[in-house]
Amino acid sequence: MNSKSGIALLAGLLLALWGYTQPEVNYQNKTLVKELQKSGITNMDRLEELKPADSVASPDALQGKYFLINEANANDFKYIYIGRVNSCRAGGCSLSGNDPVAGNSEYFDYFILFDTRKTVQFVKVFNYQATHGHEITAKGWLKQFVGHDSSKALQVDKNIDAISGATISVHAITHDIEAKTSLLKRLLKQEGLSASTK
């Protein structure tokens, strides 16, 4: 292969990668289902999706779904958020035009279990597709979010431990958990949801 055809091949490959879009969140992911079963949620078919009105959250910004847990469980879990966090590749956020939500990013999928008071009871990362920062998947580190009810801000280095080498992921998941907890409360206040789901 000559240098011109090699350059053309490389350029084509880069264009294909640049146009790559992430797969959607898999709400039937085997690891997710297994983790929910461990938490006492044995029947995914009994989850009722809670859809926010556009005035509460746009579907594009949400990057996940909320569900009402209709199944009795020992932990009194009532709501679940299953979603995705996009974070820039290492060094990528500083590149001009790199928008982590536009698919120019790495990502991980996770879920939050809430109780009837809309307080975080459990957080689990079930699909980590980033090259750095996997330390945030540690059960011990994720326990820091238990008890969060959006009454106080979550701040890395204040009430959330930083992790050396996982700065981007730490900030991304901390921000997302804070936002999704607050959004759950607004979602349940929106018109059209029955009192039994609050």
N, C-alpha and C. Protein backbone atom coordinates (compact mmCIF):
# COMPACT_ATOMS: atom_id res chain seq x y z
N MET A 1 0.86 -1.17 0.00
CA MET A 1 0.00 0.00 0.00
C MET A 1 0.91 1.23 0.00
N ASN A 2 0.61 2.19 -0.88
CA ASN A 2 1.42 3.40 -0.91
C ASN A 2 0.95 4.39 0.15
N SER A 3 1.70 5.46 0.36
CA SER A 3 1.40 6.40 1.45
C SER A 3 0.08 7.13 1.22
N LYS A 4 -0.27 7.41 -0.06
CA LYS A 4 -1.54 8.11 -0.33
C LYS A 4 -2.74 7.24 0.05
N SER A 5 -2.69 5.95 -0.31
CA SER A 5 -3.82 5.09 0.03
C SER A 5 -3.88 4.83 1.53
N GLY A 6 -2.71 4.80 2.17
CA GLY A 6 -2.66 4.63 3.64
C GLY A 6 -3.28 5.83 4.34
N ILE A 7 -2.99 7.03 3.85
CA ILE A 7 -3.56 8.24 4.42
C ILE A 7 -5.07 8.28 4.20
N ALA A 8 -5.50 7.90 2.98
CA ALA A 8 -6.93 7.88 2.69
C ALA A 8 -7.66 6.88 3.59
N LEU A 9 -7.06 5.70 3.80
CA LEU A 9 -7.66 4.69 4.66
C LEU A 9 -7.76 5.20 6.10
N LEU A 10 -6.69 5.82 6.58
CA LEU A 10 -6.68 6.38 7.93
C LEU A 10 -7.74 7.49 8.07
N ALA A 11 -7.83 8.36 7.07
CA ALA A 11 -8.82 9.44 7.11
C ALA A 11 -10.24 8.86 7.14
N GLY A 12 -10.49 7.83 6.36
CA GLY A 12 -11.81 7.19 6.34
C GLY A 12 -12.14 6.56 7.68
N LEU A 13 -11.16 5.91 8.29
CA LEU A 13 -11.35 5.29 9.59
C LEU A 13 -11.65 6.35 10.65
N LEU A 14 -10.92 7.45 10.63
CA LEU A 14 -11.15 8.53 11.59
C LEU A 14 -12.54 9.14 11.42
N LEU A 15 -12.97 9.31 10.16
CA LEU A 15 -14.31 9.85 9.92
C LEU A 15 -15.38 8.89 10.42
N ALA A 16 -15.17 7.61 10.23
CA ALA A 16 -16.14 6.61 10.71
C ALA A 16 -16.21 6.64 12.23
N LEU A 17 -15.05 6.71 12.89
CA LEU A 17 -15.05 6.78 14.35
C LEU A 17 -15.67 8.07 14.84
N TRP A 18 -15.42 9.17 14.16
CA TRP A 18 -15.96 10.47 14.57
C TRP A 18 -17.49 10.44 14.52
N GLY A 19 -18.05 9.74 13.54
CA GLY A 19 -19.49 9.66 13.40
C GLY A 19 -20.12 8.57 14.25
N TYR A 20 -19.32 7.83 15.00
CA TYR A 20 -19.81 6.75 15.85
C TYR A 20 -20.77 7.30 16.90
N THR A 21 -21.89 6.66 17.06
CA THR A 21 -22.82 7.05 18.11
C THR A 21 -22.90 5.91 19.11
N GLN A 22 -23.12 6.26 20.34
CA GLN A 22 -23.20 5.28 21.40
C GLN A 22 -24.48 4.46 21.28
N PRO A 23 -24.42 3.21 21.72
CA PRO A 23 -25.66 2.45 21.79
C PRO A 23 -26.54 3.05 22.90
N GLU A 24 -27.84 2.80 22.82
CA GLU A 24 -28.73 3.31 23.86
C GLU A 24 -28.56 2.49 25.14
N VAL A 25 -29.03 3.05 26.24
CA VAL A 25 -29.00 2.33 27.52
C VAL A 25 -29.84 1.06 27.36
N ASN A 26 -29.29 -0.06 27.79
CA ASN A 26 -29.99 -1.33 27.73
C ASN A 26 -30.68 -1.57 29.08
N TYR A 27 -31.99 -1.40 29.10
CA TYR A 27 -32.75 -1.54 30.34
C TYR A 27 -33.01 -2.99 30.71
N GLN A 28 -32.55 -3.91 29.88
CA GLN A 28 -32.65 -5.34 30.18
C GLN A 28 -31.24 -5.96 30.29
N ASN A 29 -30.24 -5.13 30.49
CA ASN A 29 -28.86 -5.59 30.64
C ASN A 29 -28.80 -6.69 31.71
N LYS A 30 -28.10 -7.78 31.41
CA LYS A 30 -28.03 -8.92 32.33
C LYS A 30 -27.47 -8.52 33.69
N THR A 31 -26.43 -7.71 33.69
CA THR A 31 -25.84 -7.27 34.95
C THR A 31 -26.82 -6.42 35.74
N LEU A 32 -27.54 -5.54 35.04
CA LEU A 32 -28.55 -4.70 35.68
C LEU A 32 -29.63 -5.57 36.32
N VAL A 33 -30.18 -6.50 35.56
CA VAL A 33 -31.24 -7.37 36.06
C VAL A 33 -30.76 -8.15 37.28
N LYS A 34 -29.54 -8.68 37.20
CA LYS A 34 -28.97 -9.45 38.31
C LYS A 34 -28.82 -8.58 39.56
N GLU A 35 -28.31 -7.36 39.39
CA GLU A 35 -28.13 -6.45 40.53
C GLU A 35 -29.47 -6.06 41.15
N LEU A 36 -30.48 -5.86 40.32
CA LEU A 36 -31.80 -5.51 40.84
C LEU A 36 -32.40 -6.69 41.60
N GLN A 37 -32.17 -7.90 41.09
CA GLN A 37 -32.66 -9.09 41.79
C GLN A 37 -32.02 -9.22 43.17
N LYS A 38 -30.72 -8.89 43.27
CA LYS A 38 -30.03 -8.91 44.56
C LYS A 38 -30.65 -7.90 45.52
N SER A 39 -31.20 -6.82 44.95
CA SER A 39 -31.80 -5.76 45.76
C SER A 39 -33.27 -6.04 46.08
N GLY A 40 -33.78 -7.20 45.65
CA GLY A 40 -35.14 -7.59 45.96
C GLY A 40 -36.15 -7.25 44.88
N ILE A 41 -35.68 -6.73 43.75
CA ILE A 41 -36.58 -6.40 42.64
C ILE A 41 -36.44 -7.52 41.62
N THR A 42 -37.35 -8.47 41.68
CA THR A 42 -37.19 -9.70 40.92
C THR A 42 -37.91 -9.69 39.57
N ASN A 43 -38.82 -8.74 39.38
CA ASN A 43 -39.62 -8.75 38.15
C ASN A 43 -39.55 -7.40 37.47
N MET A 44 -38.71 -7.28 36.45
CA MET A 44 -38.56 -6.01 35.72
C MET A 44 -39.87 -5.61 35.04
N ASP A 45 -40.74 -6.55 34.74
CA ASP A 45 -42.01 -6.24 34.09
C ASP A 45 -42.96 -5.49 35.02
N ARG A 46 -42.68 -5.51 36.30
CA ARG A 46 -43.56 -4.82 37.26
C ARG A 46 -43.12 -3.38 37.51
N LEU A 47 -42.08 -2.93 36.81
CA LEU A 47 -41.66 -1.54 36.92
C LEU A 47 -42.54 -0.69 36.01
N GLU A 48 -43.03 0.42 36.53
CA GLU A 48 -43.88 1.32 35.77
C GLU A 48 -43.09 2.59 35.45
N GLU A 49 -42.90 2.85 34.17
CA GLU A 49 -42.11 4.03 33.78
C GLU A 49 -42.83 5.31 34.15
N LEU A 50 -42.08 6.23 34.74
CA LEU A 50 -42.58 7.57 35.06
C LEU A 50 -42.00 8.52 34.04
N LYS A 51 -42.85 9.12 33.25
CA LYS A 51 -42.37 9.98 32.16
C LYS A 51 -42.55 11.45 32.53
N PRO A 52 -41.45 12.17 32.61
CA PRO A 52 -41.56 13.60 32.93
C PRO A 52 -42.14 14.39 31.76
N ALA A 53 -42.91 15.40 32.08
CA ALA A 53 -43.39 16.33 31.06
C ALA A 53 -42.20 17.09 30.51
N ASP A 54 -42.31 17.58 29.28
CA ASP A 54 -41.21 18.34 28.67
C ASP A 54 -40.80 19.53 29.53
N SER A 55 -41.74 20.09 30.28
CA SER A 55 -41.42 21.24 31.13
C SER A 55 -40.56 20.83 32.33
N VAL A 56 -40.57 19.55 32.69
CA VAL A 56 -39.77 19.06 33.81
C VAL A 56 -38.38 18.67 33.33
N ALA A 57 -38.31 17.94 32.24
CA ALA A 57 -37.01 17.52 31.68
C ALA A 57 -37.21 17.07 30.25
N SER A 58 -36.31 17.51 29.37
CA SER A 58 -36.38 17.05 27.99
C SER A 58 -35.81 15.64 27.92
N PRO A 59 -36.39 14.77 27.07
CA PRO A 59 -35.90 13.39 26.97
C PRO A 59 -34.41 13.32 26.60
N ASP A 60 -33.92 14.24 25.78
CA ASP A 60 -32.51 14.23 25.38
C ASP A 60 -31.60 14.52 26.56
N ALA A 61 -32.02 15.43 27.43
CA ALA A 61 -31.19 15.79 28.58
C ALA A 61 -31.24 14.72 29.66
N LEU A 62 -32.32 13.95 29.70
CA LEU A 62 -32.50 12.97 30.76
C LEU A 62 -31.49 11.83 30.68
N GLN A 63 -31.26 11.28 29.52
CA GLN A 63 -30.32 10.18 29.30
C GLN A 63 -30.62 8.95 30.15
N GLY A 64 -31.89 8.71 30.43
CA GLY A 64 -32.28 7.56 31.22
C GLY A 64 -33.77 7.58 31.48
N LYS A 65 -34.22 6.68 32.38
CA LYS A 65 -35.64 6.58 32.69
C LYS A 65 -35.83 6.38 34.19
N TYR A 66 -36.95 6.93 34.67
CA TYR A 66 -37.40 6.69 36.05
C TYR A 66 -38.49 5.63 36.01
N PHE A 67 -38.52 4.82 37.06
CA PHE A 67 -39.55 3.80 37.18
C PHE A 67 -40.09 3.78 38.60
N LEU A 68 -41.38 3.48 38.71
CA LEU A 68 -42.01 3.22 39.99
C LEU A 68 -41.90 1.72 40.23
N ILE A 69 -41.47 1.33 41.41
CA ILE A 69 -41.32 -0.09 41.74
C ILE A 69 -42.62 -0.54 42.39
N ASN A 70 -43.38 -1.35 41.69
CA ASN A 70 -44.67 -1.83 42.18
C ASN A 70 -44.55 -3.11 42.98
N GLU A 71 -43.37 -3.65 43.09
CA GLU A 71 -43.14 -4.92 43.76
C GLU A 71 -42.68 -4.66 45.19
N ALA A 72 -43.33 -5.29 46.16
CA ALA A 72 -42.88 -5.16 47.55
C ALA A 72 -41.48 -5.75 47.66
N ASN A 73 -40.62 -5.09 48.43
CA ASN A 73 -39.26 -5.60 48.62
C ASN A 73 -38.81 -5.27 50.04
N ALA A 74 -37.90 -6.07 50.54
CA ALA A 74 -37.46 -5.96 51.93
C ALA A 74 -36.83 -4.60 52.25
N ASN A 75 -36.29 -3.93 51.25
CA ASN A 75 -35.60 -2.66 51.47
C ASN A 75 -36.50 -1.44 51.29
N ASP A 76 -37.77 -1.65 50.98
CA ASP A 76 -38.72 -0.56 50.74
C ASP A 76 -38.27 0.39 49.64
N PHE A 77 -37.64 -0.15 48.61
CA PHE A 77 -37.30 0.67 47.44
C PHE A 77 -38.60 1.00 46.71
N LYS A 78 -38.76 2.27 46.31
CA LYS A 78 -40.00 2.69 45.66
C LYS A 78 -39.78 3.20 44.24
N TYR A 79 -38.61 3.80 43.99
CA TYR A 79 -38.31 4.38 42.68
C TYR A 79 -36.92 3.96 42.25
N ILE A 80 -36.75 3.91 40.94
CA ILE A 80 -35.42 3.62 40.39
C ILE A 80 -35.18 4.56 39.21
N TYR A 81 -33.95 5.03 39.12
CA TYR A 81 -33.52 5.75 37.92
C TYR A 81 -32.44 4.90 37.28
N ILE A 82 -32.59 4.61 36.00
CA ILE A 82 -31.58 3.87 35.24
C ILE A 82 -31.15 4.79 34.11
N GLY A 83 -29.87 5.09 34.04
CA GLY A 83 -29.43 6.03 33.02
C GLY A 83 -27.96 5.98 32.72
N ARG A 84 -27.56 6.95 31.95
CA ARG A 84 -26.20 7.05 31.43
C ARG A 84 -25.58 8.37 31.83
N VAL A 85 -24.28 8.31 32.10
CA VAL A 85 -23.50 9.51 32.34
C VAL A 85 -22.45 9.59 31.24
N ASN A 86 -22.46 10.67 30.51
CA ASN A 86 -21.41 10.92 29.52
C ASN A 86 -20.32 11.75 30.17
N SER A 87 -19.10 11.38 29.93
CA SER A 87 -17.98 12.17 30.42
C SER A 87 -16.94 12.24 29.31
N CYS A 88 -16.23 13.33 29.29
CA CYS A 88 -15.23 13.52 28.24
C CYS A 88 -14.10 12.51 28.39
N ARG A 89 -13.55 12.14 27.27
CA ARG A 89 -12.34 11.33 27.30
C ARG A 89 -11.24 12.14 27.96
N ALA A 90 -10.27 11.47 28.52
CA ALA A 90 -9.16 12.17 29.17
C ALA A 90 -8.58 13.19 28.20
N GLY A 91 -8.57 14.45 28.59
CA GLY A 91 -8.06 15.53 27.75
C GLY A 91 -9.03 16.00 26.70
N GLY A 92 -10.15 15.28 26.52
CA GLY A 92 -11.08 15.59 25.45
C GLY A 92 -11.94 16.82 25.70
N CYS A 93 -12.23 17.13 26.95
CA CYS A 93 -13.10 18.27 27.24
C CYS A 93 -12.45 19.59 26.84
N SER A 94 -11.14 19.60 26.82
CA SER A 94 -10.45 20.84 26.47
C SER A 94 -10.42 21.07 24.96
N LEU A 95 -10.79 20.05 24.19
CA LEU A 95 -10.80 20.20 22.75
C LEU A 95 -12.01 21.02 22.32
N SER A 96 -11.81 21.93 21.43
CA SER A 96 -12.88 22.80 20.97
C SER A 96 -14.01 21.98 20.34
N GLY A 97 -15.23 22.26 20.75
CA GLY A 97 -16.39 21.61 20.16
C GLY A 97 -16.67 20.22 20.69
N ASN A 98 -15.95 19.76 21.70
CA ASN A 98 -16.20 18.43 22.23
C ASN A 98 -17.31 18.50 23.26
N ASP A 99 -18.49 18.07 22.87
CA ASP A 99 -19.65 18.06 23.74
C ASP A 99 -19.88 16.64 24.22
N PRO A 100 -19.75 16.36 25.53
CA PRO A 100 -19.90 14.99 25.99
C PRO A 100 -21.26 14.39 25.73
N VAL A 101 -22.30 15.20 25.58
CA VAL A 101 -23.63 14.65 25.34
C VAL A 101 -23.81 14.31 23.87
N ALA A 102 -23.02 14.87 23.00
CA ALA A 102 -23.19 14.66 21.56
C ALA A 102 -22.56 13.38 21.06
N GLY A 103 -22.09 12.50 21.94
CA GLY A 103 -21.52 11.24 21.51
C GLY A 103 -20.01 11.27 21.38
N ASN A 104 -19.39 12.44 21.60
CA ASN A 104 -17.93 12.54 21.54
C ASN A 104 -17.35 12.25 22.92
N SER A 105 -17.83 11.19 23.54
CA SER A 105 -17.45 10.96 24.92
C SER A 105 -17.41 9.48 25.24
N GLU A 106 -16.91 9.23 26.42
CA GLU A 106 -17.01 7.90 26.99
C GLU A 106 -18.24 7.95 27.89
N TYR A 107 -18.67 6.81 28.36
CA TYR A 107 -19.89 6.80 29.17
C TYR A 107 -19.89 5.62 30.12
N PHE A 108 -20.81 5.70 31.06
CA PHE A 108 -21.13 4.55 31.90
C PHE A 108 -22.61 4.60 32.24
N ASP A 109 -23.18 3.42 32.44
CA ASP A 109 -24.59 3.29 32.79
C ASP A 109 -24.68 2.87 34.24
N TYR A 110 -25.66 3.41 34.94
CA TYR A 110 -25.80 3.12 36.36
C TYR A 110 -27.26 3.22 36.77
N PHE A 111 -27.55 2.82 38.01
CA PHE A 111 -28.90 3.00 38.53
C PHE A 111 -28.84 3.51 39.96
N ILE A 112 -29.93 4.19 40.33
CA ILE A 112 -30.11 4.68 41.70
C ILE A 112 -31.42 4.11 42.21
N LEU A 113 -31.41 3.54 43.40
CA LEU A 113 -32.63 3.10 44.05
C LEU A 113 -32.99 4.12 45.13
N PHE A 114 -34.25 4.54 45.12
CA PHE A 114 -34.76 5.51 46.08
C PHE A 114 -35.83 4.87 46.95
N ASP A 115 -36.00 5.38 48.17
CA ASP A 115 -37.09 4.91 49.02
C ASP A 115 -38.32 5.79 48.81
N THR A 116 -39.34 5.59 49.63
CA THR A 116 -40.58 6.34 49.48
C THR A 116 -40.40 7.84 49.71
N ARG A 117 -39.35 8.22 50.45
CA ARG A 117 -39.09 9.65 50.70
C ARG A 117 -38.23 10.27 49.60
N LYS A 118 -37.96 9.51 48.56
CA LYS A 118 -37.13 9.97 47.43
C LYS A 118 -35.69 10.23 47.86
N THR A 119 -35.22 9.40 48.77
CA THR A 119 -33.85 9.48 49.28
C THR A 119 -33.04 8.35 48.65
N VAL A 120 -31.82 8.65 48.25
CA VAL A 120 -30.94 7.64 47.64
C VAL A 120 -30.65 6.54 48.66
N GLN A 121 -30.89 5.29 48.25
CA GLN A 121 -30.62 4.15 49.11
C GLN A 121 -29.53 3.23 48.57
N PHE A 122 -29.29 3.30 47.26
CA PHE A 122 -28.30 2.40 46.65
C PHE A 122 -27.93 2.94 45.27
N VAL A 123 -26.65 2.87 44.95
CA VAL A 123 -26.16 3.28 43.62
C VAL A 123 -25.25 2.18 43.11
N LYS A 124 -25.42 1.83 41.84
CA LYS A 124 -24.57 0.80 41.24
C LYS A 124 -24.28 1.14 39.78
N VAL A 125 -23.01 1.10 39.40
CA VAL A 125 -22.61 1.24 38.00
C VAL A 125 -22.60 -0.16 37.42
N PHE A 126 -23.37 -0.38 36.35
CA PHE A 126 -23.49 -1.74 35.80
C PHE A 126 -22.88 -1.89 34.41
N ASN A 127 -22.45 -0.80 33.77
CA ASN A 127 -21.87 -0.89 32.43
C ASN A 127 -20.87 0.25 32.27
N TYR A 128 -19.60 -0.02 32.58
CA TYR A 128 -18.58 1.03 32.54
C TYR A 128 -17.82 0.96 31.22
N GLN A 129 -18.01 1.95 30.36
CA GLN A 129 -17.41 1.94 29.03
C GLN A 129 -16.40 3.08 28.84
N ALA A 130 -15.75 3.48 29.89
CA ALA A 130 -14.73 4.52 29.81
C ALA A 130 -13.36 3.89 30.05
N THR A 131 -12.33 4.55 29.56
CA THR A 131 -10.99 3.99 29.68
C THR A 131 -10.33 4.31 31.01
N HIS A 132 -10.79 5.35 31.68
CA HIS A 132 -10.22 5.74 32.98
C HIS A 132 -11.34 5.96 33.98
N GLY A 133 -10.98 5.90 35.25
CA GLY A 133 -11.93 6.26 36.30
C GLY A 133 -12.81 5.13 36.80
N HIS A 134 -12.46 3.88 36.45
CA HIS A 134 -13.29 2.75 36.87
C HIS A 134 -13.40 2.62 38.38
N GLU A 135 -12.56 3.35 39.12
CA GLU A 135 -12.59 3.29 40.59
C GLU A 135 -13.95 3.73 41.14
N ILE A 136 -14.71 4.50 40.38
CA ILE A 136 -16.02 4.95 40.87
C ILE A 136 -17.03 3.82 40.94
N THR A 137 -16.71 2.67 40.39
CA THR A 137 -17.63 1.53 40.45
C THR A 137 -17.55 0.80 41.79
N ALA A 138 -16.59 1.17 42.64
CA ALA A 138 -16.39 0.49 43.92
C ALA A 138 -17.59 0.71 44.85
N LYS A 139 -18.08 -0.37 45.40
CA LYS A 139 -19.25 -0.33 46.28
C LYS A 139 -19.02 0.62 47.46
N GLY A 140 -17.85 0.56 48.05
CA GLY A 140 -17.54 1.42 49.20
C GLY A 140 -17.58 2.90 48.86
N TRP A 141 -17.08 3.26 47.69
CA TRP A 141 -17.10 4.66 47.28
C TRP A 141 -18.53 5.12 46.98
N LEU A 142 -19.31 4.29 46.32
CA LEU A 142 -20.68 4.65 45.96
C LEU A 142 -21.59 4.78 47.18
N LYS A 143 -21.22 4.17 48.31
CA LYS A 143 -22.04 4.28 49.54
C LYS A 143 -22.15 5.72 50.03
N GLN A 144 -21.24 6.59 49.59
CA GLN A 144 -21.28 7.99 50.03
C GLN A 144 -22.59 8.69 49.63
N PHE A 145 -23.23 8.20 48.59
CA PHE A 145 -24.44 8.84 48.09
C PHE A 145 -25.70 8.42 48.84
N VAL A 146 -25.62 7.33 49.61
CA VAL A 146 -26.77 6.85 50.37
C VAL A 146 -27.19 7.92 51.37
N GLY A 147 -28.48 8.23 51.36
CA GLY A 147 -29.02 9.25 52.25
C GLY A 147 -29.20 10.60 51.58
N HIS A 148 -28.67 10.75 50.37
CA HIS A 148 -28.82 12.03 49.67
C HIS A 148 -30.28 12.22 49.29
N ASP A 149 -30.81 13.40 49.63
CA ASP A 149 -32.22 13.69 49.33
C ASP A 149 -32.39 15.05 48.65
N SER A 150 -31.35 15.60 48.15
CA SER A 150 -31.28 16.89 47.44
C SER A 150 -31.46 18.10 48.37
N SER A 151 -31.46 17.87 49.68
CA SER A 151 -31.55 19.02 50.60
C SER A 151 -30.21 19.73 50.75
N LYS A 152 -29.12 19.02 50.49
CA LYS A 152 -27.77 19.59 50.52
C LYS A 152 -27.07 19.27 49.21
N ALA A 153 -26.24 20.19 48.77
CA ALA A 153 -25.49 19.98 47.53
C ALA A 153 -24.44 18.89 47.73
N LEU A 154 -24.19 18.13 46.67
CA LEU A 154 -23.09 17.16 46.67
C LEU A 154 -21.87 17.87 46.10
N GLN A 155 -20.76 17.84 46.84
CA GLN A 155 -19.55 18.53 46.39
C GLN A 155 -18.34 17.63 46.57
N VAL A 156 -17.65 17.41 45.45
CA VAL A 156 -16.42 16.62 45.49
C VAL A 156 -15.40 17.37 46.35
N ASP A 157 -14.71 16.63 47.20
CA ASP A 157 -13.72 17.13 48.16
C ASP A 157 -14.35 17.74 49.40
N LYS A 158 -15.69 17.78 49.47
CA LYS A 158 -16.36 18.27 50.68
C LYS A 158 -17.13 17.11 51.30
N ASN A 159 -18.23 16.70 50.67
CA ASN A 159 -18.97 15.55 51.20
C ASN A 159 -18.90 14.32 50.30
N ILE A 160 -18.16 14.43 49.20
CA ILE A 160 -17.89 13.29 48.31
C ILE A 160 -16.38 13.20 48.11
N ASP A 161 -15.81 12.03 48.35
CA ASP A 161 -14.36 11.84 48.22
C ASP A 161 -13.92 11.90 46.77
N ALA A 162 -12.84 12.62 46.53
CA ALA A 162 -12.22 12.63 45.21
C ALA A 162 -11.43 11.33 45.06
N ILE A 163 -11.16 10.96 43.82
CA ILE A 163 -10.34 9.78 43.54
C ILE A 163 -9.28 10.20 42.54
N SER A 164 -8.03 10.04 42.92
CA SER A 164 -6.93 10.37 42.02
C SER A 164 -7.00 9.46 40.79
N GLY A 165 -6.96 10.06 39.61
CA GLY A 165 -7.02 9.29 38.37
C GLY A 165 -8.44 9.08 37.86
N ALA A 166 -9.44 9.54 38.63
CA ALA A 166 -10.83 9.36 38.21
C ALA A 166 -11.60 10.67 38.35
N THR A 167 -10.90 11.77 38.22
CA THR A 167 -11.51 13.09 38.45
C THR A 167 -12.73 13.33 37.58
N ILE A 168 -12.64 13.05 36.31
CA ILE A 168 -13.74 13.31 35.38
C ILE A 168 -14.96 12.47 35.76
N SER A 169 -14.76 11.19 36.00
CA SER A 169 -15.87 10.29 36.35
C SER A 169 -16.48 10.65 37.70
N VAL A 170 -15.65 11.02 38.67
CA VAL A 170 -16.15 11.41 40.00
C VAL A 170 -17.08 12.61 39.89
N HIS A 171 -16.62 13.63 39.19
CA HIS A 171 -17.44 14.84 39.04
C HIS A 171 -18.70 14.55 38.22
N ALA A 172 -18.58 13.71 37.20
CA ALA A 172 -19.72 13.42 36.33
C ALA A 172 -20.82 12.68 37.09
N ILE A 173 -20.47 11.63 37.83
CA ILE A 173 -21.51 10.86 38.53
C ILE A 173 -22.06 11.66 39.71
N THR A 174 -21.23 12.43 40.38
CA THR A 174 -21.70 13.24 41.51
C THR A 174 -22.74 14.25 41.02
N HIS A 175 -22.43 14.93 39.94
CA HIS A 175 -23.37 15.90 39.38
C HIS A 175 -24.66 15.21 38.94
N ASP A 176 -24.53 14.04 38.32
CA ASP A 176 -25.70 13.36 37.80
C ASP A 176 -26.61 12.85 38.91
N ILE A 177 -26.04 12.29 39.97
CA ILE A 177 -26.86 11.80 41.08
C ILE A 177 -27.59 12.96 41.75
N GLU A 178 -26.91 14.07 41.92
CA GLU A 178 -27.54 15.25 42.50
C GLU A 178 -28.71 15.72 41.61
N ALA A 179 -28.47 15.81 40.32
CA ALA A 179 -29.49 16.27 39.38
C ALA A 179 -30.67 15.30 39.30
N LYS A 180 -30.40 14.00 39.25
CA LYS A 180 -31.48 13.03 39.11
C LYS A 180 -32.32 12.89 40.38
N THR A 181 -31.71 13.12 41.54
CA THR A 181 -32.48 13.10 42.80
C THR A 181 -33.42 14.29 42.84
N SER A 182 -32.92 15.44 42.49
CA SER A 182 -33.75 16.65 42.45
C SER A 182 -34.86 16.52 41.41
N LEU A 183 -34.52 15.96 40.25
CA LEU A 183 -35.49 15.80 39.18
C LEU A 183 -36.61 14.82 39.58
N LEU A 184 -36.28 13.78 40.33
CA LEU A 184 -37.30 12.84 40.79
C LEU A 184 -38.36 13.57 41.60
N LYS A 185 -37.94 14.45 42.47
CA LYS A 185 -38.90 15.20 43.29
C LYS A 185 -39.79 16.08 42.42
N ARG A 186 -39.21 16.73 41.43
CA ARG A 186 -40.01 17.57 40.53
C ARG A 186 -40.95 16.71 39.68
N LEU A 187 -40.45 15.56 39.25
CA LEU A 187 -41.24 14.63 38.44
C LEU A 187 -42.49 14.19 39.19
N LEU A 188 -42.34 13.88 40.48
CA LEU A 188 -43.47 13.39 41.26
C LEU A 188 -44.46 14.49 41.60
N LYS A 189 -44.04 15.74 41.47
CA LYS A 189 -44.95 16.86 41.71
C LYS A 189 -45.72 17.26 40.46
N GLN A 190 -45.23 16.81 39.30
CA GLN A 190 -45.88 17.24 38.06
C GLN A 190 -47.32 16.74 38.00
N GLU A 191 -48.12 17.46 37.29
CA GLU A 191 -49.53 17.10 37.14
C GLU A 191 -49.67 15.75 36.45
N GLY A 192 -50.68 15.00 36.86
CA GLY A 192 -50.97 13.75 36.17
C GLY A 192 -50.50 12.51 36.90
N LEU A 193 -49.62 12.65 37.91
CA LEU A 193 -49.22 11.47 38.66
C LEU A 193 -50.14 11.32 39.86
N SER A 194 -50.60 10.12 40.09
CA SER A 194 -51.53 9.89 41.19
C SER A 194 -50.81 9.99 42.52
N ALA A 195 -51.57 10.25 43.56
CA ALA A 195 -51.02 10.38 44.90
C ALA A 195 -50.31 9.09 45.33
N SER A 196 -50.75 7.95 44.81
CA SER A 196 -50.15 6.67 45.21
C SER A 196 -48.71 6.53 44.73
N THR A 197 -48.28 7.32 43.76
CA THR A 197 -46.90 7.22 43.27
C THR A 197 -45.98 8.19 43.98
N LYS A 198 -46.50 9.02 44.86
CA LYS A 198 -45.68 10.04 45.53
C LYS A 198 -45.10 9.51 46.82
